[in-house]
Amino acid sequence: CGLCIEACPTRALTMTNFYELADHTRADLIFEKHQLLAPLGEGMVQPPHPMVDGMEERDYYQGKVAKGTLEQRKYVEHLASRADAAGDHADDQATPRAGGPTVEGGDAK
């Protein structure tokens, strides 16, 4: 049903079409991050970023979101510049939810 995917605050769970999982050991069913990551497609924005206004997570899975918005790109650029200035990693930041912060004039609100 996908509820656990939507509820996971760290995005440690993922929804895929790879449903035919069967093996002899539990260890063979545990995927590492490098096995789950896929390259960003054209028009996609590097996570973390706010969701498109008016959309829910299921809309992403259903393909209703075709590409990143200008607001998302500005947010990602802002996080990257903050991380560069602070020497931190932008991927350590929490991903904002719908209605989360927006970037206007370079400042997160």
PDB file of N, CA and C in Angstrom:
ATOM      1  N   CYS A   1       0.820  -1.200   0.000  1.00  0.00           N
ATOM      2  CA  CYS A   1       0.000   0.000   0.000  1.00  0.00           C
ATOM      3  C   CYS A   1       0.862   1.261   0.000  1.00  0.00           C
ATOM      4  N   GLY A   2       2.118   1.175   0.415  1.00  0.00           N
ATOM      5  CA  GLY A   2       3.018   2.319   0.377  1.00  0.00           C
ATOM      6  C   GLY A   2       2.995   3.212   1.599  1.00  0.00           C
ATOM      7  N   LEU A   3       2.190   2.895   2.607  1.00  0.00           N
ATOM      8  CA  LEU A   3       2.113   3.763   3.786  1.00  0.00           C
ATOM      9  C   LEU A   3       3.443   3.836   4.531  1.00  0.00           C
ATOM     10  N   CYS A   4       4.163   2.731   4.602  1.00  0.00           N
ATOM     11  CA  CYS A   4       5.454   2.760   5.300  1.00  0.00           C
ATOM     12  C   CYS A   4       6.450   3.635   4.541  1.00  0.00           C
ATOM     13  N   ILE A   5       6.360   3.642   3.215  1.00  0.00           N
ATOM     14  CA  ILE A   5       7.244   4.469   2.397  1.00  0.00           C
ATOM     15  C   ILE A   5       6.960   5.944   2.673  1.00  0.00           C
ATOM     16  N   GLU A   6       5.677   6.308   2.705  1.00  0.00           N
ATOM     17  CA  GLU A   6       5.296   7.697   2.957  1.00  0.00           C
ATOM     18  C   GLU A   6       5.653   8.132   4.370  1.00  0.00           C
ATOM     19  N   ALA A   7       5.580   7.229   5.331  1.00  0.00           N
ATOM     20  CA  ALA A   7       5.816   7.583   6.734  1.00  0.00           C
ATOM     21  C   ALA A   7       7.293   7.645   7.097  1.00  0.00           C
ATOM     22  N   CYS A   8       8.160   7.046   6.315  1.00  0.00           N
ATOM     23  CA  CYS A   8       9.582   6.977   6.660  1.00  0.00           C
ATOM     24  C   CYS A   8      10.219   8.362   6.562  1.00  0.00           C
ATOM     25  N   PRO A   9      10.663   8.940   7.679  1.00  0.00           N
ATOM     26  CA  PRO A   9      11.210  10.297   7.654  1.00  0.00           C
ATOM     27  C   PRO A   9      12.603  10.379   7.032  1.00  0.00           C
ATOM     28  N   THR A  10      13.295   9.270   6.926  1.00  0.00           N
ATOM     29  CA  THR A  10      14.665   9.305   6.402  1.00  0.00           C
ATOM     30  C   THR A  10      14.768   8.773   4.984  1.00  0.00           C
ATOM     31  N   ARG A  11      13.657   8.371   4.413  1.00  0.00           N
ATOM     32  CA  ARG A  11      13.633   7.775   3.076  1.00  0.00           C
ATOM     33  C   ARG A  11      14.525   6.540   2.981  1.00  0.00           C
ATOM     34  N   ALA A  12      14.629   5.818   4.089  1.00  0.00           N
ATOM     35  CA  ALA A  12      15.414   4.587   4.109  1.00  0.00           C
ATOM     36  C   ALA A  12      14.671   3.458   3.396  1.00  0.00           C
ATOM     37  N   LEU A  13      13.364   3.596   3.272  1.00  0.00           N
ATOM     38  CA  LEU A  13      12.564   2.613   2.555  1.00  0.00           C
ATOM     39  C   LEU A  13      12.296   3.134   1.157  1.00  0.00           C
ATOM     40  N   THR A  14      12.172   2.237   0.212  1.00  0.00           N
ATOM     41  CA  THR A  14      11.922   2.668  -1.161  1.00  0.00           C
ATOM     42  C   THR A  14      10.861   1.781  -1.801  1.00  0.00           C
ATOM     43  N   MET A  15      10.111   2.344  -2.728  1.00  0.00           N
ATOM     44  CA  MET A  15       9.083   1.604  -3.449  1.00  0.00           C
ATOM     45  C   MET A  15       9.626   1.323  -4.844  1.00  0.00           C
ATOM     46  N   THR A  16       9.667   0.057  -5.217  1.00  0.00           N
ATOM     47  CA  THR A  16      10.160  -0.304  -6.549  1.00  0.00           C
ATOM     48  C   THR A  16       9.207  -1.303  -7.190  1.00  0.00           C
ATOM     49  N   ASN A  17       9.440  -1.561  -8.453  1.00  0.00           N
ATOM     50  CA  ASN A  17       8.693  -2.596  -9.157  1.00  0.00           C
ATOM     51  C   ASN A  17       9.398  -3.948  -9.049  1.00  0.00           C
ATOM     52  N   PHE A  18      10.483  -4.013  -8.302  1.00  0.00           N
ATOM     53  CA  PHE A  18      11.262  -5.230  -8.119  1.00  0.00           C
ATOM     54  C   PHE A  18      10.613  -6.043  -7.005  1.00  0.00           C
ATOM     55  N   TYR A  19       9.493  -6.675  -7.310  1.00  0.00           N
ATOM     56  CA  TYR A  19       8.697  -7.328  -6.278  1.00  0.00           C
ATOM     57  C   TYR A  19       8.951  -8.828  -6.150  1.00  0.00           C
ATOM     58  N   GLU A  20       9.636  -9.430  -7.082  1.00  0.00           N
ATOM     59  CA  GLU A  20       9.858 -10.875  -7.023  1.00  0.00           C
ATOM     60  C   GLU A  20      11.110 -11.187  -6.210  1.00  0.00           C
ATOM     61  N   LEU A  21      11.028 -10.921  -4.936  1.00  0.00           N
ATOM     62  CA  LEU A  21      12.152 -11.172  -4.044  1.00  0.00           C
ATOM     63  C   LEU A  21      11.984 -12.530  -3.375  1.00  0.00           C
ATOM     64  N   ALA A  22      12.952 -13.368  -3.575  1.00  0.00           N
ATOM     65  CA  ALA A  22      12.984 -14.657  -2.893  1.00  0.00           C
ATOM     66  C   ALA A  22      14.439 -15.086  -2.834  1.00  0.00           C
ATOM     67  N   ASP A  23      14.856 -15.539  -1.685  1.00  0.00           N
ATOM     68  CA  ASP A  23      16.235 -15.979  -1.529  1.00  0.00           C
ATOM     69  C   ASP A  23      16.319 -16.916  -0.340  1.00  0.00           C
ATOM     70  N   HIS A  24      17.490 -17.494  -0.144  1.00  0.00           N
ATOM     71  CA  HIS A  24      17.678 -18.455   0.934  1.00  0.00           C
ATOM     72  C   HIS A  24      18.171 -17.815   2.232  1.00  0.00           C
ATOM     73  N   THR A  25      18.707 -16.595   2.140  1.00  0.00           N
ATOM     74  CA  THR A  25      19.216 -15.940   3.346  1.00  0.00           C
ATOM     75  C   THR A  25      18.681 -14.524   3.445  1.00  0.00           C
ATOM     76  N   ARG A  26      18.508 -14.073   4.656  1.00  0.00           N
ATOM     77  CA  ARG A  26      18.046 -12.705   4.905  1.00  0.00           C
ATOM     78  C   ARG A  26      19.056 -11.691   4.378  1.00  0.00           C
ATOM     79  N   ALA A  27      20.330 -11.973   4.531  1.00  0.00           N
ATOM     80  CA  ALA A  27      21.382 -11.044   4.107  1.00  0.00           C
ATOM     81  C   ALA A  27      21.303 -10.730   2.616  1.00  0.00           C
ATOM     82  N   ASP A  28      20.882 -11.695   1.813  1.00  0.00           N
ATOM     83  CA  ASP A  28      20.772 -11.464   0.370  1.00  0.00           C
ATOM     84  C   ASP A  28      19.589 -10.569   0.011  1.00  0.00           C
ATOM     85  N   LEU A  29      18.695 -10.336   0.963  1.00  0.00           N
ATOM     86  CA  LEU A  29      17.534  -9.484   0.719  1.00  0.00           C
ATOM     87  C   LEU A  29      17.734  -8.057   1.223  1.00  0.00           C
ATOM     88  N   ILE A  30      18.885  -7.779   1.796  1.00  0.00           N
ATOM     89  CA  ILE A  30      19.184  -6.435   2.286  1.00  0.00           C
ATOM     90  C   ILE A  30      19.999  -5.710   1.226  1.00  0.00           C
ATOM     91  N   PHE A  31      19.467  -4.582   0.765  1.00  0.00           N
ATOM     92  CA  PHE A  31      20.126  -3.809  -0.275  1.00  0.00           C
ATOM     93  C   PHE A  31      20.904  -2.663   0.338  1.00  0.00           C
ATOM     94  N   GLU A  32      22.064  -2.396  -0.179  1.00  0.00           N
ATOM     95  CA  GLU A  32      22.881  -1.257   0.225  1.00  0.00           C
ATOM     96  C   GLU A  32      22.463  -0.039  -0.592  1.00  0.00           C
ATOM     97  N   LYS A  33      22.827   1.132  -0.113  1.00  0.00           N
ATOM     98  CA  LYS A  33      22.441   2.374  -0.770  1.00  0.00           C
ATOM     99  C   LYS A  33      22.879   2.401  -2.230  1.00  0.00           C
ATOM    100  N   HIS A  34      24.100   1.961  -2.522  1.00  0.00           N
ATOM    101  CA  HIS A  34      24.596   2.013  -3.901  1.00  0.00           C
ATOM    102  C   HIS A  34      23.791   1.106  -4.837  1.00  0.00           C
ATOM    103  N   GLN A  35      23.117   0.100  -4.300  1.00  0.00           N
ATOM    104  CA  GLN A  35      22.292  -0.776  -5.118  1.00  0.00           C
ATOM    105  C   GLN A  35      20.928  -0.151  -5.420  1.00  0.00           C
ATOM    106  N   LEU A  36      20.498   0.776  -4.596  1.00  0.00           N
ATOM    107  CA  LEU A  36      19.179   1.385  -4.754  1.00  0.00           C
ATOM    108  C   LEU A  36      19.202   2.691  -5.531  1.00  0.00           C
ATOM    109  N   LEU A  37      20.343   3.361  -5.527  1.00  0.00           N
ATOM    110  CA  LEU A  37      20.417   4.657  -6.187  1.00  0.00           C
ATOM    111  C   LEU A  37      20.361   4.512  -7.701  1.00  0.00           C
ATOM    112  N   ALA A  38      19.651   5.409  -8.319  1.00  0.00           N
ATOM    113  CA  ALA A  38      19.579   5.465  -9.774  1.00  0.00           C
ATOM    114  C   ALA A  38      20.027   6.859 -10.189  1.00  0.00           C
ATOM    115  N   PRO A  39      20.579   7.000 -11.377  1.00  0.00           N
ATOM    116  CA  PRO A  39      20.995   8.335 -11.805  1.00  0.00           C
ATOM    117  C   PRO A  39      19.782   9.249 -11.981  1.00  0.00           C
ATOM    118  N   LEU A  40      20.000  10.533 -11.775  1.00  0.00           N
ATOM    119  CA  LEU A  40      18.928  11.503 -11.977  1.00  0.00           C
ATOM    120  C   LEU A  40      18.636  11.620 -13.463  1.00  0.00           C
ATOM    121  N   GLY A  41      17.366  11.584 -13.807  1.00  0.00           N
ATOM    122  CA  GLY A  41      16.958  11.761 -15.192  1.00  0.00           C
ATOM    123  C   GLY A  41      16.947  13.233 -15.564  1.00  0.00           C
ATOM    124  N   GLU A  42      16.750  13.496 -16.836  1.00  0.00           N
ATOM    125  CA  GLU A  42      16.714  14.874 -17.325  1.00  0.00           C
ATOM    126  C   GLU A  42      15.585  15.647 -16.641  1.00  0.00           C
ATOM    127  N   GLY A  43      15.906  16.822 -16.127  1.00  0.00           N
ATOM    128  CA  GLY A  43      14.919  17.665 -15.463  1.00  0.00           C
ATOM    129  C   GLY A  43      14.711  17.352 -13.994  1.00  0.00           C
ATOM    130  N   MET A  44      15.355  16.301 -13.474  1.00  0.00           N
ATOM    131  CA  MET A  44      15.204  15.948 -12.061  1.00  0.00           C
ATOM    132  C   MET A  44      16.102  16.829 -11.200  1.00  0.00           C
ATOM    133  N   VAL A  45      15.718  16.994  -9.935  1.00  0.00           N
ATOM    134  CA  VAL A  45      16.456  17.824  -8.989  1.00  0.00           C
ATOM    135  C   VAL A  45      17.055  16.927  -7.911  1.00  0.00           C
ATOM    136  N   GLN A  46      18.313  17.204  -7.558  1.00  0.00           N
ATOM    137  CA  GLN A  46      19.006  16.423  -6.528  1.00  0.00           C
ATOM    138  C   GLN A  46      18.270  16.554  -5.193  1.00  0.00           C
ATOM    139  N   PRO A  47      17.921  15.453  -4.529  1.00  0.00           N
ATOM    140  CA  PRO A  47      17.297  15.559  -3.212  1.00  0.00           C
ATOM    141  C   PRO A  47      18.324  15.957  -2.168  1.00  0.00           C
ATOM    142  N   PRO A  48      17.928  16.498  -1.044  1.00  0.00           N
ATOM    143  CA  PRO A  48      16.556  16.758  -0.616  1.00  0.00           C
ATOM    144  C   PRO A  48      16.034  18.064  -1.198  1.00  0.00           C
ATOM    145  N   HIS A  49      14.746  18.101  -1.431  1.00  0.00           N
ATOM    146  CA  HIS A  49      14.090  19.311  -1.922  1.00  0.00           C
ATOM    147  C   HIS A  49      12.619  19.261  -1.526  1.00  0.00           C
ATOM    148  N   PRO A  50      11.954  20.422  -1.479  1.00  0.00           N
ATOM    149  CA  PRO A  50      10.529  20.418  -1.142  1.00  0.00           C
ATOM    150  C   PRO A  50       9.725  19.782  -2.272  1.00  0.00           C
ATOM    151  N   MET A  51       8.583  19.251  -1.932  1.00  0.00           N
ATOM    152  CA  MET A  51       7.710  18.664  -2.946  1.00  0.00           C
ATOM    153  C   MET A  51       7.081  19.776  -3.775  1.00  0.00           C
ATOM    154  N   VAL A  52       6.649  19.436  -4.986  1.00  0.00           N
ATOM    155  CA  VAL A  52       5.953  20.391  -5.844  1.00  0.00           C
ATOM    156  C   VAL A  52       4.656  20.781  -5.152  1.00  0.00           C
ATOM    157  N   ASP A  53       4.355  22.088  -5.141  1.00  0.00           N
ATOM    158  CA  ASP A  53       3.133  22.567  -4.490  1.00  0.00           C
ATOM    159  C   ASP A  53       1.906  21.835  -5.023  1.00  0.00           C
ATOM    160  N   GLY A  54       1.046  21.421  -4.108  1.00  0.00           N
ATOM    161  CA  GLY A  54      -0.199  20.765  -4.473  1.00  0.00           C
ATOM    162  C   GLY A  54      -0.065  19.284  -4.786  1.00  0.00           C
ATOM    163  N   MET A  55       1.134  18.746  -4.680  1.00  0.00           N
ATOM    164  CA  MET A  55       1.354  17.330  -4.980  1.00  0.00           C
ATOM    165  C   MET A  55       1.598  16.553  -3.687  1.00  0.00           C
ATOM    166  N   GLU A  56       1.362  15.251  -3.756  1.00  0.00           N
ATOM    167  CA  GLU A  56       1.639  14.343  -2.652  1.00  0.00           C
ATOM    168  C   GLU A  56       2.643  13.312  -3.139  1.00  0.00           C
ATOM    169  N   GLU A  57       3.203  12.532  -2.213  1.00  0.00           N
ATOM    170  CA  GLU A  57       4.215  11.543  -2.600  1.00  0.00           C
ATOM    171  C   GLU A  57       3.694  10.581  -3.651  1.00  0.00           C
ATOM    172  N   ARG A  58       2.442  10.190  -3.547  1.00  0.00           N
ATOM    173  CA  ARG A  58       1.900   9.242  -4.528  1.00  0.00           C
ATOM    174  C   ARG A  58       1.924   9.815  -5.943  1.00  0.00           C
ATOM    175  N   ASP A  59       1.837  11.157  -6.069  1.00  0.00           N
ATOM    176  CA  ASP A  59       1.876  11.779  -7.387  1.00  0.00           C
ATOM    177  C   ASP A  59       3.220  11.557  -8.069  1.00  0.00           C
ATOM    178  N   TYR A  60       4.297  11.493  -7.281  1.00  0.00           N
ATOM    179  CA  TYR A  60       5.616  11.217  -7.844  1.00  0.00           C
ATOM    180  C   TYR A  60       5.659   9.790  -8.390  1.00  0.00           C
ATOM    181  N   TYR A  61       5.141   8.833  -7.617  1.00  0.00           N
ATOM    182  CA  TYR A  61       5.145   7.433  -8.047  1.00  0.00           C
ATOM    183  C   TYR A  61       4.256   7.220  -9.262  1.00  0.00           C
ATOM    184  N   GLN A  62       3.204   8.013  -9.393  1.00  0.00           N
ATOM    185  CA  GLN A  62       2.279   7.875 -10.511  1.00  0.00           C
ATOM    186  C   GLN A  62       2.743   8.644 -11.742  1.00  0.00           C
ATOM    187  N   GLY A  63       3.885   9.303 -11.650  1.00  0.00           N
ATOM    188  CA  GLY A  63       4.439  10.004 -12.806  1.00  0.00           C
ATOM    189  C   GLY A  63       3.786  11.341 -13.108  1.00  0.00           C
ATOM    190  N   LYS A  64       3.074  11.921 -12.152  1.00  0.00           N
ATOM    191  CA  LYS A  64       2.410  13.201 -12.379  1.00  0.00           C
ATOM    192  C   LYS A  64       3.372  14.376 -12.299  1.00  0.00           C
ATOM    193  N   VAL A  65       4.557  14.147 -11.754  1.00  0.00           N
ATOM    194  CA  VAL A  65       5.577  15.188 -11.667  1.00  0.00           C
ATOM    195  C   VAL A  65       6.653  14.839 -12.688  1.00  0.00           C
ATOM    196  N   ALA A  66       6.753  15.650 -13.742  1.00  0.00           N
ATOM    197  CA  ALA A  66       7.658  15.331 -14.849  1.00  0.00           C
ATOM    198  C   ALA A  66       9.081  15.828 -14.616  1.00  0.00           C
ATOM    199  N   LYS A  67       9.210  16.989 -13.971  1.00  0.00           N
ATOM    200  CA  LYS A  67      10.552  17.541 -13.758  1.00  0.00           C
ATOM    201  C   LYS A  67      10.530  18.483 -12.563  1.00  0.00           C
ATOM    202  N   GLY A  68      11.725  18.857 -12.114  1.00  0.00           N
ATOM    203  CA  GLY A  68      11.851  19.765 -10.986  1.00  0.00           C
ATOM    204  C   GLY A  68      11.371  21.165 -11.337  1.00  0.00           C
ATOM    205  N   THR A  69      10.848  21.854 -10.340  1.00  0.00           N
ATOM    206  CA  THR A  69      10.376  23.220 -10.549  1.00  0.00           C
ATOM    207  C   THR A  69      11.501  24.212 -10.259  1.00  0.00           C
ATOM    208  N   LEU A  70      11.290  25.449 -10.640  1.00  0.00           N
ATOM    209  CA  LEU A  70      12.263  26.506 -10.372  1.00  0.00           C
ATOM    210  C   LEU A  70      12.472  26.658  -8.866  1.00  0.00           C
ATOM    211  N   GLU A  71      11.391  26.580  -8.091  1.00  0.00           N
ATOM    212  CA  GLU A  71      11.492  26.693  -6.629  1.00  0.00           C
ATOM    213  C   GLU A  71      12.367  25.578  -6.056  1.00  0.00           C
ATOM    214  N   GLN A  72      12.204  24.358  -6.556  1.00  0.00           N
ATOM    215  CA  GLN A  72      13.021  23.239  -6.077  1.00  0.00           C
ATOM    216  C   GLN A  72      14.491  23.444  -6.429  1.00  0.00           C
ATOM    217  N   ARG A  73      14.769  23.893  -7.652  1.00  0.00           N
ATOM    218  CA  ARG A  73      16.162  24.126  -8.056  1.00  0.00           C
ATOM    219  C   ARG A  73      16.806  25.205  -7.189  1.00  0.00           C
ATOM    220  N   LYS A  74      16.058  26.278  -6.907  1.00  0.00           N
ATOM    221  CA  LYS A  74      16.593  27.342  -6.049  1.00  0.00           C
ATOM    222  C   LYS A  74      16.868  26.813  -4.642  1.00  0.00           C
ATOM    223  N   TYR A  75      15.977  25.966  -4.135  1.00  0.00           N
ATOM    224  CA  TYR A  75      16.158  25.396  -2.799  1.00  0.00           C
ATOM    225  C   TYR A  75      17.423  24.544  -2.744  1.00  0.00           C
ATOM    226  N   VAL A  76      17.628  23.699  -3.747  1.00  0.00           N
ATOM    227  CA  VAL A  76      18.808  22.831  -3.791  1.00  0.00           C
ATOM    228  C   VAL A  76      20.079  23.669  -3.901  1.00  0.00           C
ATOM    229  N   GLU A  77      20.048  24.717  -4.731  1.00  0.00           N
ATOM    230  CA  GLU A  77      21.212  25.604  -4.854  1.00  0.00           C
ATOM    231  C   GLU A  77      21.510  26.293  -3.525  1.00  0.00           C
ATOM    232  N   HIS A  78      20.463  26.713  -2.826  1.00  0.00           N
ATOM    233  CA  HIS A  78      20.628  27.365  -1.527  1.00  0.00           C
ATOM    234  C   HIS A  78      21.257  26.399  -0.517  1.00  0.00           C
ATOM    235  N   LEU A  79      20.771  25.156  -0.479  1.00  0.00           N
ATOM    236  CA  LEU A  79      21.355  24.159   0.429  1.00  0.00           C
ATOM    237  C   LEU A  79      22.819  23.906   0.100  1.00  0.00           C
ATOM    238  N   ALA A  80      23.129  23.814  -1.182  1.00  0.00           N
ATOM    239  CA  ALA A  80      24.511  23.554  -1.596  1.00  0.00           C
ATOM    240  C   ALA A  80      25.420  24.706  -1.194  1.00  0.00           C
ATOM    241  N   SER A  81      24.949  25.937  -1.362  1.00  0.00           N
ATOM    242  CA  SER A  81      25.785  27.086  -0.998  1.00  0.00           C
ATOM    243  C   SER A  81      25.965  27.163   0.516  1.00  0.00           C
ATOM    244  N   ARG A  82      24.916  26.829   1.276  1.00  0.00           N
ATOM    245  CA  ARG A  82      25.036  26.791   2.742  1.00  0.00           C
ATOM    246  C   ARG A  82      26.011  25.716   3.183  1.00  0.00           C
ATOM    247  N   ALA A  83      25.937  24.561   2.545  1.00  0.00           N
ATOM    248  CA  ALA A  83      26.827  23.453   2.903  1.00  0.00           C
ATOM    249  C   ALA A  83      28.273  23.808   2.577  1.00  0.00           C
ATOM    250  N   ASP A  84      28.485  24.460   1.433  1.00  0.00           N
ATOM    251  CA  ASP A  84      29.843  24.871   1.069  1.00  0.00           C
ATOM    252  C   ASP A  84      30.389  25.871   2.079  1.00  0.00           C
ATOM    253  N   ALA A  85      29.538  26.809   2.489  1.00  0.00           N
ATOM    254  CA  ALA A  85      29.972  27.840   3.429  1.00  0.00           C
ATOM    255  C   ALA A  85      30.254  27.257   4.818  1.00  0.00           C
ATOM    256  N   ALA A  86      29.457  26.279   5.223  1.00  0.00           N
ATOM    257  CA  ALA A  86      29.601  25.707   6.565  1.00  0.00           C
ATOM    258  C   ALA A  86      30.515  24.485   6.591  1.00  0.00           C
ATOM    259  N   GLY A  87      30.835  23.965   5.417  1.00  0.00           N
ATOM    260  CA  GLY A  87      31.666  22.769   5.364  1.00  0.00           C
ATOM    261  C   GLY A  87      30.893  21.512   5.706  1.00  0.00           C
ATOM    262  N   ASP A  88      29.556  21.604   5.729  1.00  0.00           N
ATOM    263  CA  ASP A  88      28.702  20.455   6.022  1.00  0.00           C
ATOM    264  C   ASP A  88      28.243  19.821   4.720  1.00  0.00           C
ATOM    265  N   HIS A  89      27.583  18.685   4.855  1.00  0.00           N
ATOM    266  CA  HIS A  89      27.021  17.992   3.705  1.00  0.00           C
ATOM    267  C   HIS A  89      25.541  18.323   3.605  1.00  0.00           C
ATOM    268  N   ALA A  90      25.085  18.735   2.406  1.00  0.00           N
ATOM    269  CA  ALA A  90      23.687  19.093   2.211  1.00  0.00           C
ATOM    270  C   ALA A  90      22.770  17.897   2.419  1.00  0.00           C
ATOM    271  N   ASP A  91      23.274  16.671   2.202  1.00  0.00           N
ATOM    272  CA  ASP A  91      22.407  15.508   2.361  1.00  0.00           C
ATOM    273  C   ASP A  91      22.132  15.188   3.820  1.00  0.00           C
ATOM    274  N   ASP A  92      22.766  15.888   4.763  1.00  0.00           N
ATOM    275  CA  ASP A  92      22.480  15.696   6.180  1.00  0.00           C
ATOM    276  C   ASP A  92      21.238  16.473   6.614  1.00  0.00           C
ATOM    277  N   GLN A  93      20.741  17.347   5.747  1.00  0.00           N
ATOM    278  CA  GLN A  93      19.576  18.161   6.071  1.00  0.00           C
ATOM    279  C   GLN A  93      18.316  17.328   5.916  1.00  0.00           C
ATOM    280  N   ALA A  94      17.291  17.629   6.711  1.00  0.00           N
ATOM    281  CA  ALA A  94      16.010  16.929   6.604  1.00  0.00           C
ATOM    282  C   ALA A  94      15.294  17.392   5.349  1.00  0.00           C
ATOM    283  N   THR A  95      14.598  16.488   4.687  1.00  0.00           N
ATOM    284  CA  THR A  95      13.832  16.827   3.502  1.00  0.00           C
ATOM    285  C   THR A  95      12.538  17.494   3.931  1.00  0.00           C
ATOM    286  N   PRO A  96      12.248  18.698   3.415  1.00  0.00           N
ATOM    287  CA  PRO A  96      11.022  19.389   3.797  1.00  0.00           C
ATOM    288  C   PRO A  96       9.794  18.699   3.217  1.00  0.00           C
ATOM    289  N   ARG A  97       8.690  18.818   3.882  1.00  0.00           N
ATOM    290  CA  ARG A  97       7.431  18.231   3.449  1.00  0.00           C
ATOM    291  C   ARG A  97       6.661  19.259   2.639  1.00  0.00           C
ATOM    292  N   ALA A  98       5.522  18.853   2.111  1.00  0.00           N
ATOM    293  CA  ALA A  98       4.663  19.757   1.360  1.00  0.00           C
ATOM    294  C   ALA A  98       4.342  20.970   2.220  1.00  0.00           C
ATOM    295  N   GLY A  99       4.380  22.145   1.610  1.00  0.00           N
ATOM    296  CA  GLY A  99       4.147  23.362   2.354  1.00  0.00           C
ATOM    297  C   GLY A  99       5.357  23.779   3.149  1.00  0.00           C
ATOM    298  N   GLY A 100       6.505  23.142   2.884  1.00  0.00           N
ATOM    299  CA  GLY A 100       7.739  23.433   3.602  1.00  0.00           C
ATOM    300  C   GLY A 100       8.349  24.734   3.146  1.00  0.00           C
ATOM    301  N   PRO A 101       9.592  24.970   3.513  1.00  0.00           N
ATOM    302  CA  PRO A 101      10.232  26.241   3.210  1.00  0.00           C
ATOM    303  C   PRO A 101      10.400  26.454   1.715  1.00  0.00           C
ATOM    304  N   THR A 102      10.329  27.705   1.337  1.00  0.00           N
ATOM    305  CA  THR A 102      10.580  28.070  -0.051  1.00  0.00           C
ATOM    306  C   THR A 102      11.754  29.015  -0.077  1.00  0.00           C
ATOM    307  N   VAL A 103      12.309  29.203  -1.252  1.00  0.00           N
ATOM    308  CA  VAL A 103      13.456  30.083  -1.385  1.00  0.00           C
ATOM    309  C   VAL A 103      13.059  31.264  -2.244  1.00  0.00           C
ATOM    310  N   GLU A 104      13.178  32.444  -1.686  1.00  0.00           N
ATOM    311  CA  GLU A 104      12.918  33.667  -2.423  1.00  0.00           C
ATOM    312  C   GLU A 104      14.058  34.612  -2.138  1.00  0.00           C
ATOM    313  N   GLY A 105      14.736  35.051  -3.176  1.00  0.00           N
ATOM    314  CA  GLY A 105      15.844  35.971  -2.978  1.00  0.00           C
ATOM    315  C   GLY A 105      17.009  35.344  -2.248  1.00  0.00           C
ATOM    316  N   GLY A 106      17.115  34.007  -2.258  1.00  0.00           N
ATOM    317  CA  GLY A 106      18.261  33.328  -1.669  1.00  0.00           C
ATOM    318  C   GLY A 106      18.132  32.989  -0.196  1.00  0.00           C
ATOM    319  N   ASP A 107      17.037  33.354   0.460  1.00  0.00           N
ATOM    320  CA  ASP A 107      16.864  33.041   1.878  1.00  0.00           C
ATOM    321  C   ASP A 107      15.741  32.032   2.042  1.00  0.00           C
ATOM    322  N   ALA A 108      15.980  30.975   2.808  1.00  0.00           N
ATOM    323  CA  ALA A 108      14.926  29.998   3.093  1.00  0.00           C
ATOM    324  C   ALA A 108      13.956  30.613   4.087  1.00  0.00           C
ATOM    325  N   LYS A 109      12.694  30.387   3.863  1.00  0.00           N
ATOM    326  CA  LYS A 109      11.666  30.932   4.754  1.00  0.00           C
ATOM    327  C   LYS A 109      10.929  29.812   5.416  1.00  0.00           C
TER     328      LYS A 109
END
